Amino acid sequence: MRHLAMLFLFSIVASLALAQGAPPQGSADQPYTMEYYYKVQWGHQQEFLQLFLKNHYPLLKKIVESGRMLSVKIETPSNHMTEDARWDYRVTIRFKNSTVATTANPDEENLIKQLWPDHDTYEREEKRRFEILLAHWDLPVSDITPAAK
């Protein structure tokens, strides 16, 4: 009887633990959304944004043109937040599916060479963009909006 009670208790705890996580994104052939957050050193937000728009955003647009990504959106918060929760820029990318979101793009290096023939300047500016970055994190997100009836 004691083992049965323990098994029952374990099954309740396990089901509660599993229910707390975010639901998984759709099937493998559905769009897959990732949010990329950037927290920049104070006073360098504009420099970071200029470098991002010059040296990374054109690459993202090219990948959208290829069909690997569906869209790219760049946002910044309108109000301030506490320092521990602060982020300066959020880049939301909708990928064609989870496979392309989680695998390396075989065309990326060629695209970089096409977009930035002066590779030394590109490398130097990208290095600077990451030097002024305090934190960066990626967050897959799921749309759980109920379907309209």
Protein backbone atom coordinates (compact mmCIF):
# COMPACT_ATOMS: atom_id res chain seq x y z
CA MET A 1 0.00 0.00 0.00
CA ARG A 2 2.82 2.36 0.87
CA HIS A 3 4.44 1.83 -2.56
CA LEU A 4 1.12 2.51 -4.26
CA ALA A 5 0.72 5.79 -2.35
CA MET A 6 4.28 6.83 -3.24
CA LEU A 7 3.69 6.01 -6.92
CA PHE A 8 0.48 8.03 -6.89
CA LEU A 9 2.22 11.01 -5.24
CA PHE A 10 5.11 10.80 -7.71
CA SER A 11 2.72 10.78 -10.69
CA ILE A 12 0.95 13.92 -9.40
CA VAL A 13 4.24 15.79 -8.82
CA ALA A 14 5.59 14.74 -12.24
CA SER A 15 2.44 15.90 -14.05
CA LEU A 16 2.56 19.27 -12.28
CA ALA A 17 6.22 19.74 -13.16
CA LEU A 18 5.60 18.95 -16.82
CA ALA A 19 2.60 21.28 -16.99
CA GLN A 20 4.65 24.32 -15.94
CA GLY A 21 6.83 24.53 -19.05
CA ALA A 22 5.92 26.44 -22.20
CA PRO A 23 4.18 24.34 -24.80
CA PRO A 24 6.41 23.25 -27.66
CA GLN A 25 6.26 25.04 -30.98
CA GLY A 26 4.29 23.55 -33.85
CA SER A 27 5.30 20.69 -36.07
CA ALA A 28 8.57 20.58 -37.99
CA ASP A 29 7.04 22.11 -41.11
CA GLN A 30 5.54 25.10 -39.29
CA PRO A 31 7.16 28.54 -38.77
CA TYR A 32 9.49 28.72 -35.76
CA THR A 33 9.98 31.95 -33.81
CA MET A 34 13.08 33.01 -31.89
CA GLU A 35 13.65 36.21 -29.94
CA TYR A 36 17.23 37.44 -29.55
CA TYR A 37 17.85 39.88 -26.69
CA TYR A 38 20.81 42.26 -26.47
CA LYS A 39 21.91 44.18 -23.37
CA VAL A 40 24.53 46.80 -24.19
CA GLN A 41 26.97 48.73 -21.99
CA TRP A 42 25.47 52.03 -20.84
CA GLY A 43 26.17 54.82 -23.28
CA HIS A 44 26.86 52.49 -26.21
CA GLN A 45 23.31 51.63 -27.27
CA GLN A 46 23.39 53.83 -30.36
CA GLU A 47 26.82 52.56 -31.42
CA PHE A 48 25.64 48.97 -31.06
CA LEU A 49 22.50 49.66 -33.10
CA GLN A 50 24.47 51.39 -35.86
CA LEU A 51 26.88 48.44 -36.09
CA PHE A 52 24.03 45.94 -35.99
CA LEU A 53 22.15 47.74 -38.78
CA LYS A 54 25.32 48.03 -40.87
CA ASN A 55 26.85 44.59 -40.37
CA HIS A 56 24.15 42.13 -39.36
CA TYR A 57 20.74 43.35 -40.49
CA PRO A 58 21.62 43.22 -44.23
CA LEU A 59 22.60 39.55 -43.76
CA LEU A 60 19.28 38.84 -42.03
CA LYS A 61 17.39 40.53 -44.89
CA LYS A 62 19.27 38.41 -47.46
CA ILE A 63 18.32 35.27 -45.54
CA VAL A 64 14.68 36.39 -45.55
CA GLU A 65 14.95 36.86 -49.33
CA SER A 66 16.23 33.28 -49.61
CA GLY A 67 13.13 31.95 -47.85
CA ARG A 68 15.04 30.43 -44.94
CA MET A 69 13.56 33.12 -42.66
CA LEU A 70 10.07 34.56 -43.00
CA SER A 71 10.57 37.86 -41.19
CA VAL A 72 12.87 39.94 -38.98
CA LYS A 73 11.68 42.58 -36.52
CA ILE A 74 13.88 44.84 -34.35
CA GLU A 75 12.42 46.43 -31.21
CA THR A 76 13.55 48.46 -28.23
CA PRO A 77 11.59 49.04 -25.01
CA SER A 78 9.72 52.33 -24.71
CA ASN A 79 10.27 52.62 -20.96
CA HIS A 80 13.06 51.76 -18.55
CA MET A 81 13.24 48.63 -16.42
CA THR A 82 15.33 47.39 -13.54
CA GLU A 83 18.98 46.76 -14.38
CA ASP A 84 18.74 43.01 -13.85
CA ALA A 85 15.79 42.78 -16.27
CA ARG A 86 17.06 45.39 -18.74
CA TRP A 87 17.48 44.63 -22.41
CA ASP A 88 18.13 47.22 -25.09
CA TYR A 89 17.15 45.45 -28.31
CA ARG A 90 15.01 42.47 -29.20
CA VAL A 91 15.26 40.91 -32.64
CA THR A 92 12.40 38.56 -33.44
CA ILE A 93 13.00 36.16 -36.30
CA ARG A 94 10.37 33.86 -37.78
CA PHE A 95 12.11 30.95 -39.45
CA LYS A 96 10.61 28.78 -42.15
CA ASN A 97 10.65 25.84 -39.70
CA SER A 98 12.48 24.49 -36.66
CA THR A 99 15.09 22.70 -38.74
CA VAL A 100 16.43 25.86 -40.40
CA ALA A 101 16.22 27.68 -37.05
CA THR A 102 18.46 25.16 -35.35
CA THR A 103 20.99 24.31 -38.08
CA ALA A 104 23.82 26.34 -39.56
CA ASN A 105 23.10 28.18 -42.79
CA PRO A 106 25.44 26.72 -45.43
CA ASP A 107 25.19 29.94 -47.50
CA GLU A 108 26.03 32.38 -44.69
CA GLU A 109 29.77 32.67 -45.32
CA ASN A 110 29.22 33.35 -49.05
CA LEU A 111 26.57 35.96 -48.25
CA ILE A 112 28.96 37.71 -45.87
CA LYS A 113 31.67 37.80 -48.56
CA GLN A 114 29.18 39.24 -51.08
CA LEU A 115 27.79 41.88 -48.72
CA TRP A 116 31.10 42.99 -47.20
CA PRO A 117 34.01 42.66 -49.64
CA ASP A 118 36.19 44.61 -47.16
CA HIS A 119 36.30 41.66 -44.79
CA ASP A 120 38.82 43.27 -42.42
CA THR A 121 36.51 46.21 -41.72
CA TYR A 122 33.56 43.87 -41.28
CA GLU A 123 35.48 41.70 -38.80
CA ARG A 124 36.74 44.74 -36.85
CA GLU A 125 33.26 46.26 -36.58
CA GLU A 126 31.64 42.96 -35.59
CA LYS A 127 34.32 42.53 -32.92
CA ARG A 128 33.48 46.01 -31.62
CA ARG A 129 29.75 45.23 -31.60
CA PHE A 130 30.39 42.27 -29.33
CA GLU A 131 32.88 44.19 -27.14
CA ILE A 132 30.17 46.63 -26.06
CA LEU A 133 27.62 43.88 -25.49
CA LEU A 134 26.98 42.98 -21.84
CA ALA A 135 24.61 40.07 -22.44
CA HIS A 136 22.85 38.24 -25.21
CA TRP A 137 20.27 35.48 -24.98
CA ASP A 138 18.03 33.57 -27.36
CA LEU A 139 14.49 32.57 -26.54
CA PRO A 140 12.29 30.30 -28.65
CA VAL A 141 8.67 31.44 -28.29
CA SER A 142 5.40 29.68 -28.95
CA ASP A 143 2.17 31.30 -30.10
CA ILE A 144 -0.54 29.77 -27.91
CA THR A 145 -3.35 32.06 -29.06
CA PRO A 146 -6.52 29.97 -29.38
CA ALA A 147 -7.79 29.57 -32.93
CA ALA A 148 -10.82 31.68 -33.83
CA LYS A 149 -14.09 29.79 -33.78
